[in-house]
Amino acid sequence: MIYPIVAYGTPVLKKQAAIIDRDNPDIQDIIKNMFDTMYNAHGVGLAAPQIGLSLRLFIIDASPFDDEDPSLKGVKKVFINAQIIEEEGKEWKFNEGCLSIPTIREDIERKPTIRMKYQDENFVEHEETYSGILARVIQHEYDHIEGVLFTDRLSQLRRAILKSKLQDISKGKVQVDYRMKFPMLKRN
């Protein structure tokens, strides 16, 4: 099943997500449907809050970046109850976008290396270090489960400049080729 992606302005996007219990009977279906949804929208990552679920779950498939970094070919992962333990290195800019904020892309600074703990789709615990573009994709999705959007990382001035575009997205005044739910649109 392909879920509609919730748009900027939807309250769940600004809320810290809840920890997932390993006894959650729906989690495997949610994961499968999230991958279907992400691929349908041509994304490289998707977090549960983006489909309206306040759960500490996100998925990534970094394969679209394998032309820049061949080691990313086939990198497809599920992160449950993730926690970034450490971020290190000199911050670098990278142009980011978001399925919940279509048509807006901005250069965002993030540290190049992260160490994190998480559980995979089978609730097996991992502690791993990621760097480069892969770390960037993970950090972006991790922000979603913390209630942070990439636009929150922009300067106050830049956010003010984008304010009307962000409001238009909330109202559904945006063209996308995937299903979305808009918080300020009367009919979704």
Protein backbone atom coordinates (compact mmCIF):
# COMPACT_ATOMS: atom_id res chain seq x y z
CA MET A 1 0.00 0.00 0.00
CA ILE A 2 1.24 3.46 -0.83
CA TYR A 3 0.64 5.97 1.95
CA PRO A 4 -0.02 9.64 1.33
CA ILE A 5 2.89 11.76 2.54
CA VAL A 6 1.94 14.49 4.99
CA ALA A 7 2.94 18.02 4.03
CA TYR A 8 4.74 20.80 5.84
CA GLY A 9 2.56 22.19 8.63
CA THR A 10 1.19 18.82 9.73
CA PRO A 11 1.67 18.67 13.54
CA VAL A 12 3.18 15.15 13.59
CA LEU A 13 6.22 16.49 11.67
CA LYS A 14 7.16 18.74 14.61
CA LYS A 15 6.71 16.12 17.34
CA GLN A 16 9.34 13.81 18.79
CA ALA A 17 8.26 10.30 17.76
CA ALA A 18 7.44 7.45 20.13
CA ILE A 19 9.63 4.42 20.77
CA ILE A 20 8.44 1.26 19.00
CA ASP A 21 7.76 -1.86 21.03
CA ARG A 22 9.07 -5.06 19.46
CA ASP A 23 5.59 -6.57 19.95
CA ASN A 24 4.02 -4.08 17.52
CA PRO A 25 2.06 -6.42 15.21
CA ASP A 26 1.92 -3.94 12.32
CA ILE A 27 5.56 -2.94 12.06
CA GLN A 28 6.57 -5.28 9.19
CA ASP A 29 3.61 -4.13 7.07
CA ILE A 30 4.39 -0.49 7.86
CA ILE A 31 8.03 -0.98 6.78
CA LYS A 32 7.04 -2.67 3.51
CA ASN A 33 4.48 0.03 2.75
CA MET A 34 6.97 2.77 3.61
CA PHE A 35 9.43 1.38 1.04
CA ASP A 36 6.62 1.24 -1.55
CA THR A 37 5.68 4.84 -0.69
CA MET A 38 9.29 6.09 -0.82
CA TYR A 39 9.98 4.47 -4.19
CA ASN A 40 6.67 5.77 -5.60
CA ALA A 41 7.74 9.31 -4.60
CA HIS A 42 11.31 8.82 -5.89
CA GLY A 43 12.80 9.44 -2.44
CA VAL A 44 15.98 8.15 -0.83
CA GLY A 45 14.56 8.12 2.69
CA LEU A 46 11.24 8.23 4.50
CA ALA A 47 10.39 8.55 8.19
CA ALA A 48 7.20 7.33 9.86
CA PRO A 49 6.12 10.88 10.82
CA GLN A 50 6.02 11.69 7.09
CA ILE A 51 3.18 9.21 6.69
CA GLY A 52 1.43 10.54 9.79
CA LEU A 53 2.75 7.96 12.29
CA SER A 54 4.57 9.21 15.38
CA LEU A 55 6.97 6.25 15.51
CA ARG A 56 10.78 6.15 15.78
CA LEU A 57 11.14 4.46 12.40
CA PHE A 58 12.80 5.52 9.18
CA ILE A 59 14.05 3.80 6.05
CA ILE A 60 16.68 4.69 3.48
CA ASP A 61 17.87 3.51 0.09
CA ALA A 62 21.03 5.43 -0.81
CA SER A 63 21.42 3.73 -4.21
CA PRO A 64 20.51 6.89 -6.18
CA PHE A 65 23.79 8.40 -4.91
CA ASP A 66 25.94 5.48 -6.10
CA ASP A 67 27.17 7.51 -9.09
CA GLU A 68 28.84 9.88 -6.59
CA ASP A 69 29.86 7.11 -4.18
CA PRO A 70 29.89 3.55 -5.62
CA SER A 71 29.85 2.06 -2.09
CA LEU A 72 26.22 3.21 -1.78
CA LYS A 73 24.99 0.77 -4.42
CA GLY A 74 22.40 -1.46 -2.79
CA VAL A 75 22.51 0.32 0.60
CA LYS A 76 18.95 -0.16 1.83
CA LYS A 77 18.29 -0.04 5.57
CA VAL A 78 15.61 0.13 8.24
CA PHE A 79 16.22 2.11 11.45
CA ILE A 80 14.00 1.49 14.47
CA ASN A 81 14.39 3.43 17.74
CA ALA A 82 17.53 5.10 16.39
CA GLN A 83 19.71 7.31 18.54
CA ILE A 84 22.66 9.34 17.26
CA ILE A 85 25.39 9.00 19.87
CA GLU A 86 28.00 11.23 18.29
CA GLU A 87 28.47 13.56 15.33
CA GLU A 88 31.98 14.64 14.37
CA GLY A 89 34.02 16.47 11.77
CA LYS A 90 33.82 19.85 10.10
CA GLU A 91 30.30 20.69 8.94
CA TRP A 92 29.76 20.62 5.18
CA LYS A 93 26.95 21.89 2.99
CA PHE A 94 24.80 19.65 0.85
CA ASN A 95 21.64 20.49 -1.05
CA GLU A 96 18.68 18.77 0.64
CA GLY A 97 15.04 18.36 -0.19
CA CYS A 98 12.17 16.57 1.52
CA LEU A 99 9.11 14.66 0.31
CA SER A 100 7.02 16.56 2.89
CA ILE A 101 8.32 19.91 1.59
CA PRO A 102 8.22 19.45 -2.20
CA THR A 103 9.75 22.01 -4.57
CA ILE A 104 12.05 23.49 -1.91
CA ARG A 105 15.73 22.57 -1.81
CA GLU A 106 18.35 24.26 0.36
CA ASP A 107 22.01 23.87 1.31
CA ILE A 108 22.15 22.44 4.83
CA GLU A 109 25.25 22.08 6.99
CA ARG A 110 25.79 18.83 8.86
CA LYS A 111 28.75 17.02 10.35
CA PRO A 112 30.22 14.37 8.02
CA THR A 113 30.44 11.41 10.43
CA ILE A 114 27.89 9.98 12.86
CA ARG A 115 27.85 7.08 15.28
CA MET A 116 24.46 5.68 16.17
CA LYS A 117 22.57 2.90 17.86
CA TYR A 118 19.43 1.47 16.32
CA GLN A 119 17.43 -1.71 15.80
CA ASP A 120 16.86 -3.22 12.37
CA GLU A 121 13.57 -4.59 11.04
CA ASN A 122 14.06 -7.74 13.17
CA PHE A 123 14.78 -5.66 16.30
CA VAL A 124 18.43 -6.73 16.28
CA GLU A 125 20.50 -4.00 17.91
CA HIS A 126 23.37 -2.31 16.04
CA GLU A 127 25.93 0.37 16.79
CA GLU A 128 27.51 1.69 13.60
CA THR A 129 29.40 4.64 12.17
CA TYR A 130 28.42 6.29 8.90
CA SER A 131 30.06 9.07 6.92
CA GLY A 132 29.62 11.17 3.80
CA ILE A 133 26.40 11.15 1.82
CA LEU A 134 25.10 8.09 3.69
CA ALA A 135 25.48 9.92 7.02
CA ARG A 136 23.70 12.90 5.46
CA VAL A 137 20.68 10.83 4.38
CA ILE A 138 20.49 9.19 7.81
CA GLN A 139 20.78 12.53 9.64
CA HIS A 140 17.97 14.02 7.55
CA GLU A 141 15.64 11.10 8.31
CA TYR A 142 16.73 10.98 11.95
CA ASP A 143 15.73 14.63 12.28
CA HIS A 144 12.18 13.62 11.31
CA ILE A 145 11.83 11.27 14.29
CA GLU A 146 13.11 14.11 16.50
CA GLY A 147 10.48 16.53 15.14
CA VAL A 148 13.01 18.57 13.14
CA LEU A 149 12.67 19.55 9.47
CA PHE A 150 15.56 20.60 7.24
CA THR A 151 13.99 24.06 7.05
CA ASP A 152 14.50 24.37 10.82
CA ARG A 153 18.24 24.29 10.14
CA LEU A 154 18.07 27.39 7.93
CA SER A 155 18.78 30.91 9.13
CA GLN A 156 15.85 32.93 10.41
CA LEU A 157 16.18 35.20 7.38
CA ARG A 158 16.09 32.29 4.92
CA ARG A 159 13.01 30.82 6.66
CA ALA A 160 11.29 34.21 6.41
CA ILE A 161 12.05 34.33 2.68
CA LEU A 162 10.54 30.84 2.23
CA LYS A 163 7.50 31.49 4.46
CA SER A 164 4.96 32.03 1.66
CA LYS A 165 6.19 28.97 -0.29
CA LEU A 166 5.91 26.85 2.88
CA GLN A 167 2.38 28.15 3.50
CA ASP A 168 1.44 27.30 -0.09
CA ILE A 169 2.67 23.73 0.47
CA SER A 170 0.51 23.47 3.62
CA LYS A 171 -2.48 24.64 1.55
CA GLY A 172 -1.85 22.10 -1.20
CA LYS A 173 -0.74 24.73 -3.72
CA VAL A 174 2.07 22.58 -5.07
CA GLN A 175 2.44 20.12 -7.94
CA VAL A 176 3.67 16.66 -6.99
CA ASP A 177 3.45 13.28 -8.67
CA TYR A 178 2.74 11.35 -5.46
CA ARG A 179 -0.14 11.32 -2.96
CA MET A 180 0.01 13.92 -0.21
CA LYS A 181 -2.15 15.16 2.67
CA PHE A 182 -2.12 18.90 3.27
CA PRO A 183 -2.96 20.29 6.72
CA MET A 184 -4.62 23.48 5.45
CA LEU A 185 -6.51 21.94 2.52
CA LYS A 186 -10.19 21.39 3.29
CA ARG A 187 -10.44 18.16 1.30
CA ASN A 188 -7.56 15.67 1.12
